[in-house]
Every structure is written in C-alpha cells, then in structure tokens.
Amino acid sequence: MSYDDTKWSQPETPPPPLFFNKKERDLVKQVNEELIERVIGQQILYYPIDLETTNFHPLYGEAIYKNFLSPVKVHVLINWEGMETKTQHYGLDKYASFVIHFHKRRLIENQNLYVREGDFVLYGKYHYEIVTLTEPKELFGQVDYRFEIAAKCIRAREGTFDGG
C-alpha cells in the first residue's frame, strides 16, 4: 500500500445534508406514543375551557367564571416538582406544582386538543391549573417540528374549580 492510496481526497460534491422527512417524523411519533401510553406515562383528565360560552373580559381577555367542555383522558409524562410552603401576609400557604409533558402531534392530530393557559387538569384526586406553556424540544434540531408542549401546573385552591 503506497502513500497515495491512503491519502484523503475531498469528494467533488459534498454529501447531502442530514434530512429527516415525514417517514422519520412519523416513526418518532409512533415510538413516543407507545412509550408514553404503554410504558412510562401517566394519565390525566384535561378540562379545556369552552371558548364559545365563557364570558371573557373585552379588554383583558380574562374570565372570572369559566365554562368547561367535557374532560378528555390524555397520556402524558409528569415531572413532579413537589410541595412548597410559602409564608404570605395572612399565614402559610402550601404550593404544589408539576410540569406536564404533552406529545404535541398526538394531541393535535389524534385528539383534536389544544393546550391553553387557564385550562385545568385532574391529576390524582386534585385539580391543577395550567399557568405557563412552553415548547422546549425540537425534533432533530428542526425549528419547524417541535414535538412537546410543557405545561407548568399549580394546585387549584378549593372552590376555584367545580369540574365543569
């Protein structure tokens, strides 16, 4: 073997870029669904706000009293953040929170469900309100294909949510 045989030469055209098309995205969706629904996920009941019958404030877009649609069972991953005790002006307040990780394509394509701040979920025997939404993960770094919705939830006070 001579030196010329082992010498690296640059190809005339570069290799095609790393590309993930619909087939790969569907495979990721299928694997995520199976893991979340059959192996490591939990279930919640999701109570979406009824946008048609809820009376929102015309300026602020908020509603004191909300009407809800029928609950939907959703398979999710939950990151429990624990129970925190805070000292307020009028005494102690217990604050329970967690982050729900929704599979975005499963919600939108299969369950026709859109996660919104202000909606409620039932986890265990308590109701929690969604207070913050993020979409933290992109599929293989592709900005147009985010596959997760993360919802920060806090426990609702007694009497805040009546279940519909």
Protein backbone atom coordinates (compact mmCIF):
# COMPACT_ATOMS: atom_id res chain seq x y z
CA MET A 1 0.00 0.00 0.00
CA SER A 2 1.52 3.27 -1.05
CA TYR A 3 1.17 6.72 0.44
CA ASP A 4 -1.13 7.80 -2.41
CA ASP A 5 -3.62 5.01 -1.58
CA THR A 6 -4.11 6.26 1.99
CA LYS A 7 -4.18 9.94 1.20
CA TRP A 8 -7.58 11.54 1.77
CA SER A 9 -9.15 13.37 -1.14
CA GLN A 10 -12.10 15.70 -0.98
CA PRO A 11 -15.17 14.50 -2.89
CA GLU A 12 -16.30 16.57 -5.84
CA THR A 13 -19.71 17.23 -4.28
CA PRO A 14 -20.49 17.35 -0.58
CA PRO A 15 -22.72 14.67 0.92
CA PRO A 16 -26.40 15.51 1.23
CA PRO A 17 -27.34 17.31 4.44
CA LEU A 18 -28.84 15.43 7.35
CA PHE A 19 -32.51 15.31 6.47
CA PHE A 20 -35.47 13.88 8.30
CA ASN A 21 -38.64 13.67 6.28
CA LYS A 22 -42.21 12.66 7.10
CA LYS A 23 -41.30 8.98 7.45
CA GLU A 24 -38.78 9.70 10.23
CA ARG A 25 -41.12 12.16 11.95
CA ASP A 26 -43.91 9.54 11.91
CA LEU A 27 -41.56 6.95 13.39
CA VAL A 28 -40.66 9.32 16.24
CA LYS A 29 -44.38 9.98 16.83
CA GLN A 30 -45.14 6.26 16.92
CA VAL A 31 -42.30 5.45 19.33
CA ASN A 32 -43.21 8.36 21.63
CA GLU A 33 -46.88 7.33 21.68
CA GLU A 34 -46.01 3.76 22.59
CA LEU A 35 -43.60 4.80 25.35
CA ILE A 36 -45.94 7.38 26.85
CA GLU A 37 -49.12 5.32 26.63
CA ARG A 38 -47.81 1.85 27.45
CA VAL A 39 -44.56 2.10 29.36
CA ILE A 40 -43.63 5.25 31.29
CA GLY A 41 -46.56 7.68 31.04
CA GLN A 42 -49.30 8.74 33.41
CA GLN A 43 -52.92 9.69 32.75
CA ILE A 44 -54.69 12.93 33.48
CA LEU A 45 -58.13 14.31 32.78
CA TYR A 46 -57.87 17.52 30.79
CA TYR A 47 -60.64 20.12 31.14
CA PRO A 48 -60.50 22.56 28.18
CA ILE A 49 -62.19 25.93 28.52
CA ASP A 50 -65.34 26.29 26.42
CA LEU A 51 -64.43 29.34 24.35
CA GLU A 52 -67.98 29.70 23.00
CA THR A 53 -69.83 30.04 26.32
CA THR A 54 -67.19 31.60 28.60
CA ASN A 55 -67.62 35.35 29.06
CA PHE A 56 -64.14 36.87 28.59
CA HIS A 57 -63.38 40.48 29.54
CA PRO A 58 -63.21 42.51 26.29
CA LEU A 59 -60.04 44.40 27.31
CA TYR A 60 -58.03 41.93 29.39
CA GLY A 61 -59.20 38.66 27.82
CA GLU A 62 -59.70 37.02 31.21
CA ALA A 63 -62.79 35.40 32.68
CA ILE A 64 -63.74 35.21 36.35
CA TYR A 65 -66.09 32.31 35.74
CA LYS A 66 -65.10 29.75 33.14
CA ASN A 67 -67.21 27.11 31.43
CA PHE A 68 -65.50 23.86 30.53
CA LEU A 69 -66.02 21.18 27.92
CA SER A 70 -66.19 17.50 28.90
CA PRO A 71 -62.90 16.18 30.25
CA VAL A 72 -60.52 14.32 27.94
CA LYS A 73 -58.23 11.50 29.10
CA VAL A 74 -54.67 12.24 28.00
CA HIS A 75 -51.48 10.20 28.36
CA VAL A 76 -48.57 12.40 29.46
CA LEU A 77 -45.27 12.46 31.28
CA ILE A 78 -45.28 14.30 34.60
CA ASN A 79 -42.33 15.89 36.36
CA TRP A 80 -43.49 16.40 39.97
CA GLU A 81 -41.86 19.47 41.48
CA GLY A 82 -43.12 18.87 44.99
CA MET A 83 -44.94 20.74 47.71
CA GLU A 84 -43.60 24.07 48.87
CA THR A 85 -44.74 26.06 51.89
CA LYS A 86 -44.65 29.83 51.49
CA THR A 87 -45.21 32.49 54.11
CA GLN A 88 -47.78 35.02 52.95
CA HIS A 89 -49.14 38.14 54.61
CA TYR A 90 -52.02 36.17 56.08
CA GLY A 91 -50.20 32.98 57.11
CA LEU A 92 -48.77 29.89 55.47
CA ASP A 93 -49.73 28.71 52.03
CA LYS A 94 -48.94 25.29 50.55
CA TYR A 95 -47.98 25.34 46.89
CA ALA A 96 -47.89 22.09 44.86
CA SER A 97 -46.66 22.14 41.27
CA PHE A 98 -45.55 19.92 38.43
CA VAL A 99 -44.78 20.09 34.72
CA ILE A 100 -46.83 18.05 32.27
CA HIS A 101 -45.07 16.98 29.08
CA PHE A 102 -47.64 16.56 26.31
CA HIS A 103 -46.90 14.84 22.99
CA LYS A 104 -47.88 17.68 20.63
CA ARG A 105 -48.72 15.72 17.46
CA ARG A 106 -50.73 13.15 19.41
CA LEU A 107 -52.85 15.90 20.98
CA ILE A 108 -53.46 17.90 17.83
CA GLU A 109 -53.75 15.15 15.20
CA ASN A 110 -55.41 12.36 17.16
CA GLN A 111 -57.33 14.05 19.97
CA ASN A 112 -58.06 17.46 18.42
CA LEU A 113 -56.96 19.10 21.68
CA TYR A 114 -55.11 22.37 22.07
CA VAL A 115 -53.44 23.08 25.42
CA ARG A 116 -54.07 26.57 26.80
CA GLU A 117 -53.10 28.52 29.88
CA GLY A 118 -56.05 28.67 32.26
CA ASP A 119 -57.28 25.14 31.49
CA PHE A 120 -57.46 22.64 34.34
CA VAL A 121 -56.27 19.06 34.75
CA LEU A 122 -57.14 16.36 37.25
CA TYR A 123 -54.07 14.51 38.50
CA GLY A 124 -54.68 12.07 41.30
CA LYS A 125 -57.52 13.49 43.36
CA TYR A 126 -56.68 17.19 42.95
CA HIS A 127 -57.27 19.75 40.22
CA TYR A 128 -54.41 21.85 38.89
CA GLU A 129 -54.42 24.95 36.71
CA ILE A 130 -52.09 25.37 33.74
CA VAL A 131 -50.19 28.61 34.35
CA THR A 132 -47.30 28.50 31.84
CA LEU A 133 -46.77 26.84 28.46
CA THR A 134 -43.54 26.20 26.58
CA GLU A 135 -42.45 24.14 23.57
CA PRO A 136 -38.93 23.18 24.68
CA LYS A 137 -37.95 20.40 22.26
CA GLU A 138 -37.35 20.40 18.53
CA LEU A 139 -37.27 17.20 16.51
CA PHE A 140 -33.63 16.65 15.47
CA GLY A 141 -32.99 20.40 15.77
CA GLN A 142 -35.56 21.32 13.12
CA VAL A 143 -37.19 24.58 14.14
CA ASP A 144 -40.46 23.80 12.30
CA TYR A 145 -41.01 20.49 14.10
CA ARG A 146 -41.50 20.92 17.82
CA PHE A 147 -42.88 17.76 19.36
CA GLU A 148 -43.52 18.61 23.01
CA ILE A 149 -45.70 21.01 24.92
CA ALA A 150 -44.64 21.52 28.54
CA ALA A 151 -47.29 22.92 30.87
CA LYS A 152 -46.45 24.17 34.37
CA CYS A 153 -49.38 23.47 36.68
CA ILE A 154 -50.19 24.60 40.19
CA ARG A 155 -52.76 23.12 42.51
CA ALA A 156 -56.07 24.92 42.39
CA ARG A 157 -57.49 26.24 45.64
CA GLU A 158 -60.65 24.65 46.99
CA GLY A 159 -63.68 26.13 45.25
CA THR A 160 -61.71 27.53 42.29
CA PHE A 161 -62.68 24.68 40.00
CA ASP A 162 -66.06 22.94 40.14
CA GLY A 163 -65.43 20.40 37.36
CA GLY A 164 -67.50 21.88 34.62
